PDB file of N, CA and C in Angstrom:
ATOM      1  N   MET A   1      12.283  16.442  12.603  1.00  0.00           N
ATOM      2  CA  MET A   1      11.785  15.021  13.235  1.00  0.00           C
ATOM      3  C   MET A   1      12.835  13.940  13.205  1.00  0.00           C
ATOM      4  N   THR A   2      13.160  13.392  14.378  1.00  0.00           N
ATOM      5  CA  THR A   2      14.175  12.509  14.296  1.00  0.00           C
ATOM      6  C   THR A   2      14.056  11.256  13.754  1.00  0.00           C
ATOM      7  N   ALA A   3      14.828  10.391  13.668  1.00  0.00           N
ATOM      8  CA  ALA A   3      14.697   9.133  12.928  1.00  0.00           C
ATOM      9  C   ALA A   3      13.706   7.993  13.612  1.00  0.00           C
ATOM     10  N   ALA A   4      13.942   7.920  14.955  1.00  0.00           N
ATOM     11  CA  ALA A   4      13.139   7.155  15.758  1.00  0.00           C
ATOM     12  C   ALA A   4      11.694   7.532  15.716  1.00  0.00           C
ATOM     13  N   VAL A   5      11.458   8.803  15.849  1.00  0.00           N
ATOM     14  CA  VAL A   5       9.968   9.361  15.800  1.00  0.00           C
ATOM     15  C   VAL A   5       9.451   9.109  14.398  1.00  0.00           C
ATOM     16  N   ARG A   6      10.233   9.330  13.288  1.00  0.00           N
ATOM     17  CA  ARG A   6       9.707   8.959  12.005  1.00  0.00           C
ATOM     18  C   ARG A   6       9.463   7.472  11.576  1.00  0.00           C
ATOM     19  N   THR A   7      10.241   6.846  12.341  1.00  0.00           N
ATOM     20  CA  THR A   7      10.070   5.271  11.971  1.00  0.00           C
ATOM     21  C   THR A   7       8.916   4.708  12.821  1.00  0.00           C
ATOM     22  N   THR A   8       8.612   5.383  13.909  1.00  0.00           N
ATOM     23  CA  THR A   8       7.431   5.009  14.696  1.00  0.00           C
ATOM     24  C   THR A   8       6.369   5.543  13.923  1.00  0.00           C
ATOM     25  N   ALA A   9       6.426   6.689  13.459  1.00  0.00           N
ATOM     26  CA  ALA A   9       4.897   7.140  12.793  1.00  0.00           C
ATOM     27  C   ALA A   9       4.835   6.315  11.612  1.00  0.00           C
ATOM     28  N   VAL A  10       5.674   5.989  10.832  1.00  0.00           N
ATOM     29  CA  VAL A  10       5.561   5.026   9.696  1.00  0.00           C
ATOM     30  C   VAL A  10       4.986   3.789  10.012  1.00  0.00           C
ATOM     31  N   TRP A  11       5.549   3.383  11.009  1.00  0.00           N
ATOM     32  CA  TRP A  11       5.037   1.881  11.524  1.00  0.00           C
ATOM     33  C   TRP A  11       3.659   2.135  12.034  1.00  0.00           C
ATOM     34  N   ALA A  12       3.228   3.047  12.657  1.00  0.00           N
ATOM     35  CA  ALA A  12       1.809   3.346  13.104  1.00  0.00           C
ATOM     36  C   ALA A  12       0.875   3.493  11.885  1.00  0.00           C
ATOM     37  N   GLY A  13       1.451   4.223  10.953  1.00  0.00           N
ATOM     38  CA  GLY A  13       0.546   4.473   9.573  1.00  0.00           C
ATOM     39  C   GLY A  13       0.303   3.020   9.044  1.00  0.00           C
ATOM     40  N   LEU A  14       1.455   2.229   8.965  1.00  0.00           N
ATOM     41  CA  LEU A  14       1.365   0.876   8.164  1.00  0.00           C
ATOM     42  C   LEU A  14       0.341   0.150   9.283  1.00  0.00           C
ATOM     43  N   SER A  15       0.287   0.064  10.502  1.00  0.00           N
ATOM     44  CA  SER A  15      -0.406  -0.792  11.211  1.00  0.00           C
ATOM     45  C   SER A  15      -1.912  -0.298  10.985  1.00  0.00           C
ATOM     46  N   ALA A  16      -1.966   1.022  10.847  1.00  0.00           N
ATOM     47  CA  ALA A  16      -3.465   1.719  10.693  1.00  0.00           C
ATOM     48  C   ALA A  16      -3.846   1.146   9.322  1.00  0.00           C
ATOM     49  N   ILE A  17      -3.092   1.116   8.492  1.00  0.00           N
ATOM     50  CA  ILE A  17      -3.714   0.840   6.963  1.00  0.00           C
ATOM     51  C   ILE A  17      -3.947  -0.675   7.043  1.00  0.00           C
ATOM     52  N   THR A  18      -3.183  -1.645   7.767  1.00  0.00           N
ATOM     53  CA  THR A  18      -3.544  -3.005   7.890  1.00  0.00           C
ATOM     54  C   THR A  18      -4.856  -3.189   8.512  1.00  0.00           C
ATOM     55  N   VAL A  19      -5.243  -2.289   9.612  1.00  0.00           N
ATOM     56  CA  VAL A  19      -6.533  -2.564  10.145  1.00  0.00           C
ATOM     57  C   VAL A  19      -7.544  -2.175   9.342  1.00  0.00           C
ATOM     58  N   VAL A  20      -7.386  -1.058   8.633  1.00  0.00           N
ATOM     59  CA  VAL A  20      -8.458  -0.638   7.578  1.00  0.00           C
ATOM     60  C   VAL A  20      -8.842  -1.682   6.394  1.00  0.00           C
ATOM     61  N   SER A  21      -7.491  -2.347   5.959  1.00  0.00           N
ATOM     62  CA  SER A  21      -7.722  -3.101   4.929  1.00  0.00           C
ATOM     63  C   SER A  21      -8.553  -4.233   5.638  1.00  0.00           C
ATOM     64  N   TRP A  22      -8.364  -4.878   6.648  1.00  0.00           N
ATOM     65  CA  TRP A  22      -8.905  -6.118   7.293  1.00  0.00           C
ATOM     66  C   TRP A  22     -10.362  -5.621   7.435  1.00  0.00           C
ATOM     67  N   PHE A  23     -10.646  -4.351   7.833  1.00  0.00           N
ATOM     68  CA  PHE A  23     -12.093  -4.065   7.938  1.00  0.00           C
ATOM     69  C   PHE A  23     -12.957  -3.983   6.941  1.00  0.00           C
ATOM     70  N   LEU A  24     -12.101  -3.715   5.893  1.00  0.00           N
ATOM     71  CA  LEU A  24     -12.823  -3.601   4.519  1.00  0.00           C
ATOM     72  C   LEU A  24     -13.295  -5.116   3.982  1.00  0.00           C
ATOM     73  N   ALA A  25     -12.367  -5.956   4.470  1.00  0.00           N
ATOM     74  CA  ALA A  25     -12.649  -7.459   3.962  1.00  0.00           C
ATOM     75  C   ALA A  25     -14.214  -7.831   4.277  1.00  0.00           C
ATOM     76  N   PRO A  26     -14.843  -8.503   3.390  1.00  0.00           N
ATOM     77  CA  PRO A  26     -16.113  -8.879   3.761  1.00  0.00           C
ATOM     78  C   PRO A  26     -16.347 -10.209   4.610  1.00  0.00           C
ATOM     79  N   ALA A  27     -15.216 -10.974   4.818  1.00  0.00           N
ATOM     80  CA  ALA A  27     -15.181 -12.312   5.229  1.00  0.00           C
ATOM     81  C   ALA A  27     -15.774 -12.286   6.698  1.00  0.00           C
ATOM     82  N   HIS A  28     -15.392 -11.107   7.512  1.00  0.00           N
ATOM     83  CA  HIS A  28     -15.821 -11.244   8.942  1.00  0.00           C
ATOM     84  C   HIS A  28     -17.152 -10.463   9.101  1.00  0.00           C
ATOM     85  N   HIS A  29     -18.030 -10.499   8.173  1.00  0.00           N
ATOM     86  CA  HIS A  29     -19.417  -9.951   8.187  1.00  0.00           C
ATOM     87  C   HIS A  29     -20.332 -11.181   8.073  1.00  0.00           C
ATOM     88  N   ALA A  30     -21.472 -10.940   8.530  1.00  0.00           N
ATOM     89  CA  ALA A  30     -22.520 -12.063   8.518  1.00  0.00           C
ATOM     90  C   ALA A  30     -23.179 -12.195   7.148  1.00  0.00           C
ATOM     91  N   GLN A  31     -23.012 -11.379   6.215  1.00  0.00           N
ATOM     92  CA  GLN A  31     -23.545 -11.552   4.863  1.00  0.00           C
ATOM     93  C   GLN A  31     -22.805 -12.424   4.084  1.00  0.00           C
ATOM     94  N   PRO A  32     -23.469 -12.957   2.952  1.00  0.00           N
ATOM     95  CA  PRO A  32     -22.393 -13.736   2.073  1.00  0.00           C
ATOM     96  C   PRO A  32     -21.331 -13.056   1.408  1.00  0.00           C
ATOM     97  N   VAL A  33     -20.311 -13.595   1.417  1.00  0.00           N
ATOM     98  CA  VAL A  33     -19.035 -12.917   0.681  1.00  0.00           C
ATOM     99  C   VAL A  33     -19.300 -12.931  -0.868  1.00  0.00           C
ATOM    100  N   ALA A  34     -18.980 -11.774  -1.281  1.00  0.00           N
ATOM    101  CA  ALA A  34     -19.090 -11.401  -2.750  1.00  0.00           C
ATOM    102  C   ALA A  34     -18.052 -10.428  -2.932  1.00  0.00           C
ATOM    103  N   ALA A  35     -17.625 -10.747  -4.351  1.00  0.00           N
ATOM    104  CA  ALA A  35     -16.482  -9.780  -4.795  1.00  0.00           C
ATOM    105  C   ALA A  35     -17.147  -8.313  -5.068  1.00  0.00           C
ATOM    106  N   SER A  36     -16.265  -7.505  -4.605  1.00  0.00           N
ATOM    107  CA  SER A  36     -16.615  -5.979  -4.783  1.00  0.00           C
ATOM    108  C   SER A  36     -15.457  -5.267  -5.596  1.00  0.00           C
ATOM    109  N   THR A  37     -15.749  -4.765  -6.490  1.00  0.00           N
ATOM    110  CA  THR A  37     -14.629  -3.950  -7.297  1.00  0.00           C
ATOM    111  C   THR A  37     -14.049  -2.727  -6.578  1.00  0.00           C
ATOM    112  N   PRO A  38     -15.105  -1.959  -6.019  1.00  0.00           N
ATOM    113  CA  PRO A  38     -14.468  -0.747  -5.302  1.00  0.00           C
ATOM    114  C   PRO A  38     -13.877  -0.978  -4.113  1.00  0.00           C
ATOM    115  N   ILE A  39     -14.295  -2.148  -3.333  1.00  0.00           N
ATOM    116  CA  ILE A  39     -13.199  -2.538  -2.186  1.00  0.00           C
ATOM    117  C   ILE A  39     -11.963  -3.142  -2.549  1.00  0.00           C
ATOM    118  N   THR A  40     -12.041  -3.769  -3.656  1.00  0.00           N
ATOM    119  CA  THR A  40     -10.708  -4.501  -4.101  1.00  0.00           C
ATOM    120  C   THR A  40      -9.810  -3.334  -4.518  1.00  0.00           C
ATOM    121  N   LEU A  41     -10.491  -2.447  -5.208  1.00  0.00           N
ATOM    122  CA  LEU A  41      -9.609  -1.352  -5.793  1.00  0.00           C
ATOM    123  C   LEU A  41      -9.054  -0.507  -4.558  1.00  0.00           C
ATOM    124  N   GLY A  42      -9.902  -0.124  -3.490  1.00  0.00           N
ATOM    125  CA  GLY A  42      -9.611   0.531  -2.299  1.00  0.00           C
ATOM    126  C   GLY A  42      -8.401  -0.306  -1.658  1.00  0.00           C
ATOM    127  N   VAL A  43      -8.604  -1.498  -1.458  1.00  0.00           N
ATOM    128  CA  VAL A  43      -7.518  -2.324  -0.858  1.00  0.00           C
ATOM    129  C   VAL A  43      -6.198  -2.197  -1.411  1.00  0.00           C
ATOM    130  N   LEU A  44      -6.301  -2.288  -2.989  1.00  0.00           N
ATOM    131  CA  LEU A  44      -5.076  -2.300  -3.971  1.00  0.00           C
ATOM    132  C   LEU A  44      -4.265  -0.733  -3.521  1.00  0.00           C
ATOM    133  N   ALA A  45      -5.396   0.168  -3.444  1.00  0.00           N
ATOM    134  CA  ALA A  45      -4.623   1.615  -3.256  1.00  0.00           C
ATOM    135  C   ALA A  45      -3.929   1.600  -2.027  1.00  0.00           C
ATOM    136  N   LEU A  46      -4.593   1.034  -0.993  1.00  0.00           N
ATOM    137  CA  LEU A  46      -3.919   0.848   0.325  1.00  0.00           C
ATOM    138  C   LEU A  46      -2.518   0.191   0.373  1.00  0.00           C
ATOM    139  N   ALA A  47      -2.591  -0.997  -0.405  1.00  0.00           N
ATOM    140  CA  ALA A  47      -1.263  -1.932  -0.658  1.00  0.00           C
ATOM    141  C   ALA A  47      -0.123  -0.756  -1.399  1.00  0.00           C
ATOM    142  N   VAL A  48      -0.699  -0.122  -2.310  1.00  0.00           N
ATOM    143  CA  VAL A  48       0.301   0.851  -2.928  1.00  0.00           C
ATOM    144  C   VAL A  48       0.988   1.771  -1.949  1.00  0.00           C
ATOM    145  N   ILE A  49       0.177   2.466  -1.052  1.00  0.00           N
ATOM    146  CA  ILE A  49       0.636   3.183   0.031  1.00  0.00           C
ATOM    147  C   ILE A  49       1.570   2.438   0.971  1.00  0.00           C
ATOM    148  N   LYS A  50       1.166   1.383   1.453  1.00  0.00           N
ATOM    149  CA  LYS A  50       2.010   0.683   2.514  1.00  0.00           C
ATOM    150  C   LYS A  50       3.233   0.255   1.674  1.00  0.00           C
ATOM    151  N   THR A  51       3.263  -0.196   0.283  1.00  0.00           N
ATOM    152  CA  THR A  51       4.418  -0.646  -0.170  1.00  0.00           C
ATOM    153  C   THR A  51       5.366   0.580  -0.551  1.00  0.00           C
ATOM    154  N   ARG A  52       4.775   1.638  -0.963  1.00  0.00           N
ATOM    155  CA  ARG A  52       5.856   2.964  -1.030  1.00  0.00           C
ATOM    156  C   ARG A  52       6.436   3.258   0.181  1.00  0.00           C
ATOM    157  N   LEU A  53       5.500   3.282   1.416  1.00  0.00           N
ATOM    158  CA  LEU A  53       6.209   3.600   2.679  1.00  0.00           C
ATOM    159  C   LEU A  53       7.237   2.696   3.156  1.00  0.00           C
ATOM    160  N   ILE A  54       6.887   1.320   2.826  1.00  0.00           N
ATOM    161  CA  ILE A  54       8.095   0.392   3.177  1.00  0.00           C
ATOM    162  C   ILE A  54       9.389   0.604   2.308  1.00  0.00           C
ATOM    163  N   ILE A  55       9.266   0.879   1.113  1.00  0.00           N
ATOM    164  CA  ILE A  55      10.162   1.181   0.124  1.00  0.00           C
ATOM    165  C   ILE A  55      11.207   2.235   0.525  1.00  0.00           C
ATOM    166  N   GLN A  56      10.400   3.512   0.604  1.00  0.00           N
ATOM    167  CA  GLN A  56      10.995   4.768   1.237  1.00  0.00           C
ATOM    168  C   GLN A  56      11.658   4.738   2.551  1.00  0.00           C
ATOM    169  N   GLU A  57      11.009   4.073   3.503  1.00  0.00           N
ATOM    170  CA  GLU A  57      11.426   4.405   4.859  1.00  0.00           C
ATOM    171  C   GLU A  57      12.448   3.102   5.418  1.00  0.00           C
ATOM    172  N   PHE A  58      11.951   2.022   5.135  1.00  0.00           N
ATOM    173  CA  PHE A  58      12.779   0.914   5.601  1.00  0.00           C
ATOM    174  C   PHE A  58      13.776   0.249   4.737  1.00  0.00           C
ATOM    175  N   MET A  59      13.785   0.607   3.347  1.00  0.00           N
ATOM    176  CA  MET A  59      14.764   0.378   2.515  1.00  0.00           C
ATOM    177  C   MET A  59      15.545   1.578   2.381  1.00  0.00           C
ATOM    178  N   GLU A  60      15.433   2.710   2.921  1.00  0.00           N
ATOM    179  CA  GLU A  60      16.173   3.715   2.930  1.00  0.00           C
ATOM    180  C   GLU A  60      16.215   4.513   1.358  1.00  0.00           C
ATOM    181  N   VAL A  61      15.216   4.361   0.563  1.00  0.00           N
ATOM    182  CA  VAL A  61      15.128   4.851  -0.920  1.00  0.00           C
ATOM    183  C   VAL A  61      14.921   6.287  -0.574  1.00  0.00           C
ATOM    184  N   ARG A  62      14.256   6.669   0.521  1.00  0.00           N
ATOM    185  CA  ARG A  62      13.965   8.244   0.574  1.00  0.00           C
ATOM    186  C   ARG A  62      15.197   9.017   0.366  1.00  0.00           C
ATOM    187  N   THR A  63      16.555   8.552   0.676  1.00  0.00           N
ATOM    188  CA  THR A  63      17.610   9.463   0.802  1.00  0.00           C
ATOM    189  C   THR A  63      18.534   8.905  -0.482  1.00  0.00           C
ATOM    190  N   ALA A  64      18.025   7.983  -1.150  1.00  0.00           N
ATOM    191  CA  ALA A  64      18.810   7.569  -2.544  1.00  0.00           C
ATOM    192  C   ALA A  64      18.679   8.686  -3.435  1.00  0.00           C
ATOM    193  N   PRO A  65      19.477   8.381  -4.566  1.00  0.00           N
ATOM    194  CA  PRO A  65      19.599   9.350  -5.609  1.00  0.00           C
ATOM    195  C   PRO A  65      18.184   9.393  -6.254  1.00  0.00           C
ATOM    196  N   LEU A  66      17.962  10.526  -6.987  1.00  0.00           N
ATOM    197  CA  LEU A  66      16.573  10.622  -7.589  1.00  0.00           C
ATOM    198  C   LEU A  66      16.287   9.722  -8.525  1.00  0.00           C
ATOM    199  N   TRP A  67      17.273   9.177  -9.503  1.00  0.00           N
ATOM    200  CA  TRP A  67      16.846   8.058 -10.351  1.00  0.00           C
ATOM    201  C   TRP A  67      16.317   6.664  -9.901  1.00  0.00           C
ATOM    202  N   LEU A  68      16.787   6.453  -8.457  1.00  0.00           N
ATOM    203  CA  LEU A  68      16.343   5.215  -7.844  1.00  0.00           C
ATOM    204  C   LEU A  68      15.035   5.579  -7.258  1.00  0.00           C
ATOM    205  N   ARG A  69      14.822   6.619  -6.727  1.00  0.00           N
ATOM    206  CA  ARG A  69      13.295   7.116  -6.147  1.00  0.00           C
ATOM    207  C   ARG A  69      12.424   6.852  -7.334  1.00  0.00           C
ATOM    208  N   LEU A  70      12.713   7.411  -8.447  1.00  0.00           N
ATOM    209  CA  LEU A  70      11.650   7.452  -9.727  1.00  0.00           C
ATOM    210  C   LEU A  70      11.691   6.142 -10.188  1.00  0.00           C
ATOM    211  N   ALA A  71      12.790   5.378 -10.214  1.00  0.00           N
ATOM    212  CA  ALA A  71      12.551   3.997 -10.480  1.00  0.00           C
ATOM    213  C   ALA A  71      11.571   3.239  -9.719  1.00  0.00           C
ATOM    214  N   THR A  72      11.904   3.104  -8.401  1.00  0.00           N
ATOM    215  CA  THR A  72      10.866   2.485  -7.522  1.00  0.00           C
ATOM    216  C   THR A  72       9.532   3.034  -7.701  1.00  0.00           C
ATOM    217  N   ASP A  73       9.403   4.242  -7.824  1.00  0.00           N
ATOM    218  CA  ASP A  73       7.758   4.778  -7.930  1.00  0.00           C
ATOM    219  C   ASP A  73       7.121   4.203  -9.161  1.00  0.00           C
ATOM    220  N   GLY A  74       8.006   4.206 -10.395  1.00  0.00           N
ATOM    221  CA  GLY A  74       7.563   3.839 -11.631  1.00  0.00           C
ATOM    222  C   GLY A  74       7.341   2.184 -11.654  1.00  0.00           C
ATOM    223  N   TRP A  75       8.152   1.417 -10.962  1.00  0.00           N
ATOM    224  CA  TRP A  75       7.879   0.005 -10.793  1.00  0.00           C
ATOM    225  C   TRP A  75       6.537  -0.339 -10.020  1.00  0.00           C
ATOM    226  N   LEU A  76       6.344   0.503  -9.015  1.00  0.00           N
ATOM    227  CA  LEU A  76       4.856   0.689  -8.203  1.00  0.00           C
ATOM    228  C   LEU A  76       3.916   0.724  -9.112  1.00  0.00           C
ATOM    229  N   VAL A  77       3.798   1.819  -9.908  1.00  0.00           N
ATOM    230  CA  VAL A  77       2.907   2.234 -10.816  1.00  0.00           C
ATOM    231  C   VAL A  77       2.603   1.085 -11.905  1.00  0.00           C
ATOM    232  N   ALA A  78       3.714   0.576 -12.331  1.00  0.00           N
ATOM    233  CA  ALA A  78       3.527  -0.493 -13.481  1.00  0.00           C
ATOM    234  C   ALA A  78       2.931  -1.709 -12.817  1.00  0.00           C
ATOM    235  N   LEU A  79       3.477  -2.073 -11.674  1.00  0.00           N
ATOM    236  CA  LEU A  79       2.975  -3.388 -11.004  1.00  0.00           C
ATOM    237  C   LEU A  79       1.561  -3.257 -10.600  1.00  0.00           C
ATOM    238  N   PHE A  80       1.165  -2.178  -9.838  1.00  0.00           N
ATOM    239  CA  PHE A  80      -0.217  -2.324  -9.540  1.00  0.00           C
ATOM    240  C   PHE A  80      -1.080  -1.763 -10.596  1.00  0.00           C
ATOM    241  N   GLY A  81      -0.530  -1.012 -11.594  1.00  0.00           N
ATOM    242  CA  GLY A  81      -1.623  -1.002 -12.599  1.00  0.00           C
ATOM    243  C   GLY A  81      -1.825  -2.245 -13.442  1.00  0.00           C
ATOM    244  N   ALA A  82      -0.883  -3.109 -13.601  1.00  0.00           N
ATOM    245  CA  ALA A  82      -0.909  -4.237 -14.254  1.00  0.00           C
ATOM    246  C   ALA A  82      -2.110  -5.068 -13.482  1.00  0.00           C
ATOM    247  N   ILE A  83      -1.890  -4.997 -12.058  1.00  0.00           N
ATOM    248  CA  ILE A  83      -2.904  -5.884 -11.401  1.00  0.00           C
ATOM    249  C   ILE A  83      -4.315  -5.322 -11.553  1.00  0.00           C
ATOM    250  N   VAL A  84      -4.314  -4.180 -11.437  1.00  0.00           N
ATOM    251  CA  VAL A  84      -5.813  -3.593 -11.714  1.00  0.00           C
ATOM    252  C   VAL A  84      -6.384  -3.794 -12.846  1.00  0.00           C
ATOM    253  N   VAL A  85      -5.458  -3.607 -13.996  1.00  0.00           N
ATOM    254  CA  VAL A  85      -6.026  -4.007 -15.306  1.00  0.00           C
ATOM    255  C   VAL A  85      -6.436  -5.399 -15.221  1.00  0.00           C
ATOM    256  N   SER A  86      -5.608  -6.473 -14.759  1.00  0.00           N
ATOM    257  CA  SER A  86      -5.955  -7.725 -14.977  1.00  0.00           C
ATOM    258  C   SER A  86      -7.304  -8.104 -14.130  1.00  0.00           C
ATOM    259  N   TYR A  87      -7.389  -7.472 -13.013  1.00  0.00           N
ATOM    260  CA  TYR A  87      -8.626  -7.537 -12.220  1.00  0.00           C
ATOM    261  C   TYR A  87      -9.761  -7.222 -12.794  1.00  0.00           C
ATOM    262  N   VAL A  88      -9.800  -5.940 -13.467  1.00  0.00           N
ATOM    263  CA  VAL A  88     -11.036  -5.151 -14.097  1.00  0.00           C
ATOM    264  C   VAL A  88     -11.202  -6.031 -15.366  1.00  0.00           C
ATOM    265  N   TRP A  89     -10.371  -6.389 -15.947  1.00  0.00           N
ATOM    266  CA  TRP A  89     -10.458  -6.921 -17.411  1.00  0.00           C
ATOM    267  C   TRP A  89     -11.227  -8.122 -17.314  1.00  0.00           C
TER     268      TRP A  89
END
């Protein structure tokens, strides 16, 4: 897979995730808006995927040393874990 094809595929995936996240938001429905833990956790999971794709592909961490790839993945887990814990708590 060439770099241009890979970049285009990642961009299309990021765009699709954005559309899915928007669709999950209750604000564009006719019913009253209410907080939903499953939807919030789903959108946060999609945000983790988007963040990892951006870090790996557009910040070129995919080709970086193993320690940097593990550090960025660990940072993502810690950050989004803290967000989930603070939301659920």
